[in-house]
Amino acid sequence: MFGTLYVVSTPIGNLEDITIRALRVLKAVDLIAAEDTRHTAKLLLRYEIRTPTTSLHEHNEREKLPALLERLKGGESIAVVSDAGTPGIRDPGYRLVRTCRKTGVPDHAWRGD
């Protein structure tokens, strides 16, 4: 059974500008793939979220893709976050979403419904 890749929006500025759903997802997933783990740590600390993190940025995304994809195929859930806002077309994570689609991971496994 495939896991789920969640694309999670984070606050731009005030840490209180985060949704309840985003907090729930960040607490529930097996791993958070963050553009900058130091930046994301501030958000996680504020909301007492102890989910493990890994870095996922433009300089390491290609080398980390295979391991993240294997974790998803193994049933784990991963949240991908950028430093602020919603990861998009050129933010870290876009390659992971694209790779999930190209390798046959079903839509429900990456869309995060």
C-alpha atoms as a PDB file:
ATOM      1  CA  MET A   1       0.000   0.000   0.000  1.00  0.00           C
ATOM      2  CA  PHE A   2       1.315   3.404  -0.951  1.00  0.00           C
ATOM      3  CA  GLY A   3       1.791   6.202   1.554  1.00  0.00           C
ATOM      4  CA  THR A   4       0.707   9.781   0.981  1.00  0.00           C
ATOM      5  CA  LEU A   5       2.709  12.803  -0.056  1.00  0.00           C
ATOM      6  CA  TYR A   6       1.215  15.956   1.451  1.00  0.00           C
ATOM      7  CA  VAL A   7       2.098  19.379   0.057  1.00  0.00           C
ATOM      8  CA  VAL A   8       1.657  21.566   3.139  1.00  0.00           C
ATOM      9  CA  SER A   9       1.381  25.346   3.154  1.00  0.00           C
ATOM     10  CA  THR A  10       3.303  27.121   5.903  1.00  0.00           C
ATOM     11  CA  PRO A  11       2.880  30.669   7.231  1.00  0.00           C
ATOM     12  CA  ILE A  12       4.379  33.635   5.443  1.00  0.00           C
ATOM     13  CA  GLY A  13       5.472  35.738   8.402  1.00  0.00           C
ATOM     14  CA  ASN A  14       3.343  35.092  11.489  1.00  0.00           C
ATOM     15  CA  LEU A  15       3.549  31.504  12.768  1.00  0.00           C
ATOM     16  CA  GLU A  16      -0.100  31.735  13.847  1.00  0.00           C
ATOM     17  CA  ASP A  17      -1.165  31.905  10.195  1.00  0.00           C
ATOM     18  CA  ILE A  18      -1.255  28.133   9.789  1.00  0.00           C
ATOM     19  CA  THR A  19      -4.309  25.960   9.340  1.00  0.00           C
ATOM     20  CA  ILE A  20      -5.476  23.344  11.767  1.00  0.00           C
ATOM     21  CA  ARG A  21      -5.330  20.816   8.936  1.00  0.00           C
ATOM     22  CA  ALA A  22      -1.673  21.661   8.240  1.00  0.00           C
ATOM     23  CA  LEU A  23      -0.810  21.145  11.916  1.00  0.00           C
ATOM     24  CA  ARG A  24      -2.681  17.831  11.962  1.00  0.00           C
ATOM     25  CA  VAL A  25      -0.808  16.610   8.888  1.00  0.00           C
ATOM     26  CA  LEU A  26       2.599  17.708  10.197  1.00  0.00           C
ATOM     27  CA  LYS A  27       1.956  15.799  13.429  1.00  0.00           C
ATOM     28  CA  ALA A  28       0.653  12.667  11.704  1.00  0.00           C
ATOM     29  CA  VAL A  29       3.164  12.035   8.908  1.00  0.00           C
ATOM     30  CA  ASP A  30       6.233   9.847   9.241  1.00  0.00           C
ATOM     31  CA  LEU A  31       8.599  12.488   7.868  1.00  0.00           C
ATOM     32  CA  ILE A  32       8.660  16.183   6.993  1.00  0.00           C
ATOM     33  CA  ALA A  33      10.790  17.126   3.979  1.00  0.00           C
ATOM     34  CA  ALA A  34      11.682  20.777   4.508  1.00  0.00           C
ATOM     35  CA  GLU A  35      13.409  23.351   2.344  1.00  0.00           C
ATOM     36  CA  ASP A  36      15.392  24.462   5.425  1.00  0.00           C
ATOM     37  CA  THR A  37      15.092  22.300   8.538  1.00  0.00           C
ATOM     38  CA  ARG A  38      16.305  25.168  10.751  1.00  0.00           C
ATOM     39  CA  HIS A  39      13.512  27.415   9.493  1.00  0.00           C
ATOM     40  CA  THR A  40      10.883  24.675   9.798  1.00  0.00           C
ATOM     41  CA  ALA A  41      12.127  23.812  13.304  1.00  0.00           C
ATOM     42  CA  LYS A  42      10.790  27.164  14.562  1.00  0.00           C
ATOM     43  CA  LEU A  43       7.286  26.259  13.385  1.00  0.00           C
ATOM     44  CA  LEU A  44       7.481  22.721  14.732  1.00  0.00           C
ATOM     45  CA  LEU A  45       8.785  23.903  18.111  1.00  0.00           C
ATOM     46  CA  ARG A  46       6.009  26.501  18.392  1.00  0.00           C
ATOM     47  CA  TYR A  47       3.348  23.799  17.939  1.00  0.00           C
ATOM     48  CA  GLU A  48       5.210  21.002  19.781  1.00  0.00           C
ATOM     49  CA  ILE A  49       5.456  18.832  16.671  1.00  0.00           C
ATOM     50  CA  ARG A  50       8.120  16.152  17.031  1.00  0.00           C
ATOM     51  CA  THR A  51       7.947  14.591  13.569  1.00  0.00           C
ATOM     52  CA  PRO A  52      11.404  13.838  12.124  1.00  0.00           C
ATOM     53  CA  THR A  53      12.592  16.177   9.385  1.00  0.00           C
ATOM     54  CA  THR A  54      14.927  15.933   6.443  1.00  0.00           C
ATOM     55  CA  SER A  55      16.187  18.664   4.188  1.00  0.00           C
ATOM     56  CA  LEU A  56      14.848  18.878   0.651  1.00  0.00           C
ATOM     57  CA  HIS A  57      16.155  21.814  -1.344  1.00  0.00           C
ATOM     58  CA  GLU A  58      17.405  22.650  -4.809  1.00  0.00           C
ATOM     59  CA  HIS A  59      20.906  21.368  -4.066  1.00  0.00           C
ATOM     60  CA  ASN A  60      19.929  17.891  -2.805  1.00  0.00           C
ATOM     61  CA  GLU A  61      16.489  17.160  -4.253  1.00  0.00           C
ATOM     62  CA  ARG A  62      17.692  14.941  -7.094  1.00  0.00           C
ATOM     63  CA  GLU A  63      19.782  12.745  -4.806  1.00  0.00           C
ATOM     64  CA  LYS A  64      17.059  12.466  -2.144  1.00  0.00           C
ATOM     65  CA  LEU A  65      14.217  11.615  -4.550  1.00  0.00           C
ATOM     66  CA  PRO A  66      14.869   7.862  -4.761  1.00  0.00           C
ATOM     67  CA  ALA A  67      14.859   7.356  -0.976  1.00  0.00           C
ATOM     68  CA  LEU A  68      11.756   9.489  -0.475  1.00  0.00           C
ATOM     69  CA  LEU A  69       9.948   7.684  -3.256  1.00  0.00           C
ATOM     70  CA  GLU A  70      10.845   4.317  -1.718  1.00  0.00           C
ATOM     71  CA  ARG A  71       9.483   5.446   1.628  1.00  0.00           C
ATOM     72  CA  LEU A  72       6.211   6.461  -0.049  1.00  0.00           C
ATOM     73  CA  LYS A  73       6.021   3.165  -1.927  1.00  0.00           C
ATOM     74  CA  GLY A  74       6.657   1.422   1.401  1.00  0.00           C
ATOM     75  CA  GLY A  75       3.551   2.995   2.909  1.00  0.00           C
ATOM     76  CA  GLU A  76       5.026   5.938   4.782  1.00  0.00           C
ATOM     77  CA  SER A  77       3.514   9.404   4.613  1.00  0.00           C
ATOM     78  CA  ILE A  78       5.639  12.481   3.939  1.00  0.00           C
ATOM     79  CA  ALA A  79       4.819  16.177   4.196  1.00  0.00           C
ATOM     80  CA  VAL A  80       6.790  18.535   1.976  1.00  0.00           C
ATOM     81  CA  VAL A  81       7.088  22.178   3.060  1.00  0.00           C
ATOM     82  CA  SER A  82       8.927  25.225   1.788  1.00  0.00           C
ATOM     83  CA  ASP A  83      10.187  28.028   4.010  1.00  0.00           C
ATOM     84  CA  ALA A  84       6.941  29.965   3.596  1.00  0.00           C
ATOM     85  CA  GLY A  85       3.790  29.517   1.570  1.00  0.00           C
ATOM     86  CA  THR A  86       2.849  26.565  -0.602  1.00  0.00           C
ATOM     87  CA  PRO A  87       5.577  24.587  -2.381  1.00  0.00           C
ATOM     88  CA  GLY A  88       5.065  25.313  -6.039  1.00  0.00           C
ATOM     89  CA  ILE A  89       6.424  24.836  -9.510  1.00  0.00           C
ATOM     90  CA  ARG A  90      10.028  25.766  -8.725  1.00  0.00           C
ATOM     91  CA  ASP A  91      10.123  25.303  -4.942  1.00  0.00           C
ATOM     92  CA  PRO A  92      11.682  22.196  -3.434  1.00  0.00           C
ATOM     93  CA  GLY A  93       9.253  19.326  -3.702  1.00  0.00           C
ATOM     94  CA  TYR A  94       8.028  19.879  -7.227  1.00  0.00           C
ATOM     95  CA  ARG A  95      10.392  17.204  -8.516  1.00  0.00           C
ATOM     96  CA  LEU A  96       9.143  14.785  -5.860  1.00  0.00           C
ATOM     97  CA  VAL A  97       5.499  15.342  -6.865  1.00  0.00           C
ATOM     98  CA  ARG A  98       6.385  15.014 -10.560  1.00  0.00           C
ATOM     99  CA  THR A  99       8.402  11.846  -9.937  1.00  0.00           C
ATOM    100  CA  CYS A 100       5.553  10.279  -7.954  1.00  0.00           C
ATOM    101  CA  ARG A 101       3.239  10.827 -10.897  1.00  0.00           C
ATOM    102  CA  LYS A 102       5.721   9.534 -13.484  1.00  0.00           C
ATOM    103  CA  THR A 103       6.583   6.377 -11.551  1.00  0.00           C
ATOM    104  CA  GLY A 104       3.001   5.241 -11.198  1.00  0.00           C
ATOM    105  CA  VAL A 105       2.275   6.212  -7.610  1.00  0.00           C
ATOM    106  CA  PRO A 106      -1.540   6.468  -7.681  1.00  0.00           C
ATOM    107  CA  ASP A 107      -3.058   9.940  -7.440  1.00  0.00           C
ATOM    108  CA  HIS A 108      -4.356   9.322  -3.939  1.00  0.00           C
ATOM    109  CA  ALA A 109      -0.801   8.590  -2.800  1.00  0.00           C
ATOM    110  CA  TRP A 110       0.554  12.026  -3.581  1.00  0.00           C
ATOM    111  CA  ARG A 111      -2.403  14.360  -3.738  1.00  0.00           C
ATOM    112  CA  GLY A 112      -3.050  14.350  -0.016  1.00  0.00           C
ATOM    113  CA  ASP A 113      -6.848  14.457  -0.122  1.00  0.00           C
END
